[in-house]
Amino acid sequence: MLATVAQRAEEAVSGARLRILVIGGGIAGATFATLMQQRAQPVAVVERAAKSDRGGYMFGLLPLGGRIVQRLA
């Protein structure tokens, strides 16, 4: 049986003191989820687009943005 989105989100954060649900896996959602996981906080991310979606983003990073991206790696 396939789990619903709500059931998968509940499983991702069950037992956690702080429960975080991120709606949207775009730049902001993915960055926030990565930061929370680096701080050992369980996060559930819900994204509407299919994994095979070929859409993407183009953005420029100024010096501050480059330092932030380096810290995420």
Protein backbone atom coordinates (compact mmCIF):
# COMPACT_ATOMS: atom_id res chain seq x y z
CA MET A 1 0.00 0.00 0.00
CA LEU A 2 1.31 3.43 -0.89
CA ALA A 3 1.71 5.88 1.96
CA THR A 4 0.04 9.25 1.69
CA VAL A 5 2.07 12.47 1.73
CA ALA A 6 0.90 13.12 5.28
CA GLN A 7 1.95 9.65 6.43
CA ARG A 8 5.42 9.99 4.87
CA ALA A 9 5.86 13.43 6.45
CA GLU A 10 4.79 12.07 9.84
CA GLU A 11 7.28 9.20 9.56
CA ALA A 12 10.10 11.62 8.68
CA VAL A 13 9.65 13.67 11.85
CA SER A 14 8.08 11.19 14.28
CA GLY A 15 9.62 11.22 17.73
CA ALA A 16 11.31 14.57 17.19
CA ARG A 17 10.99 17.33 19.75
CA LEU A 18 10.81 19.93 16.97
CA ARG A 19 8.78 18.88 13.93
CA ILE A 20 9.59 20.75 10.70
CA LEU A 21 7.60 20.50 7.47
CA VAL A 22 8.95 22.38 4.43
CA ILE A 23 6.44 23.02 1.66
CA GLY A 24 8.30 23.26 -1.65
CA GLY A 25 11.70 21.97 -2.64
CA GLY A 26 12.86 25.08 -4.48
CA ILE A 27 15.97 27.05 -3.61
CA ALA A 28 14.69 28.36 -0.28
CA GLY A 29 13.02 25.12 0.81
CA ALA A 30 15.99 22.94 -0.08
CA THR A 31 18.44 25.34 1.58
CA PHE A 32 16.40 25.51 4.77
CA ALA A 33 15.97 21.72 4.89
CA THR A 34 19.73 21.25 4.43
CA LEU A 35 20.52 23.70 7.23
CA MET A 36 18.10 21.95 9.60
CA GLN A 37 19.52 18.51 8.77
CA GLN A 38 23.04 19.82 9.45
CA ARG A 39 21.74 20.78 12.90
CA ALA A 40 20.36 17.25 13.44
CA GLN A 41 16.73 18.39 13.09
CA PRO A 42 14.49 15.94 11.21
CA VAL A 43 12.77 17.61 8.26
CA ALA A 44 10.02 16.48 5.90
CA VAL A 45 9.97 18.21 2.49
CA VAL A 46 6.81 18.14 0.38
CA GLU A 47 7.27 19.00 -3.30
CA ARG A 48 4.53 18.99 -5.91
CA ALA A 49 6.79 18.57 -8.97
CA ALA A 50 7.71 15.08 -10.14
CA LYS A 51 11.32 13.97 -9.65
CA SER A 52 11.71 13.74 -13.41
CA ASP A 53 10.73 17.39 -13.87
CA ARG A 54 13.41 19.01 -16.01
CA GLY A 55 12.75 22.54 -14.76
CA GLY A 56 15.57 24.41 -13.14
CA TYR A 57 16.86 27.68 -11.81
CA MET A 58 19.49 30.12 -12.93
CA PHE A 59 20.85 32.48 -10.34
CA GLY A 60 23.96 34.51 -9.69
CA LEU A 61 25.92 34.35 -6.47
CA LEU A 62 27.60 37.44 -5.18
CA PRO A 63 30.44 37.03 -2.67
CA LEU A 64 28.09 36.50 0.29
CA GLY A 65 26.02 33.90 -1.57
CA GLY A 66 29.16 31.97 -2.51
CA ARG A 67 30.25 31.73 1.13
CA ILE A 68 26.81 30.44 2.14
CA VAL A 69 26.85 27.75 -0.55
CA GLN A 70 30.34 26.64 0.54
CA ARG A 71 29.07 26.17 4.11
CA LEU A 72 26.19 24.01 2.87
CA ALA A 73 28.52 21.52 1.20
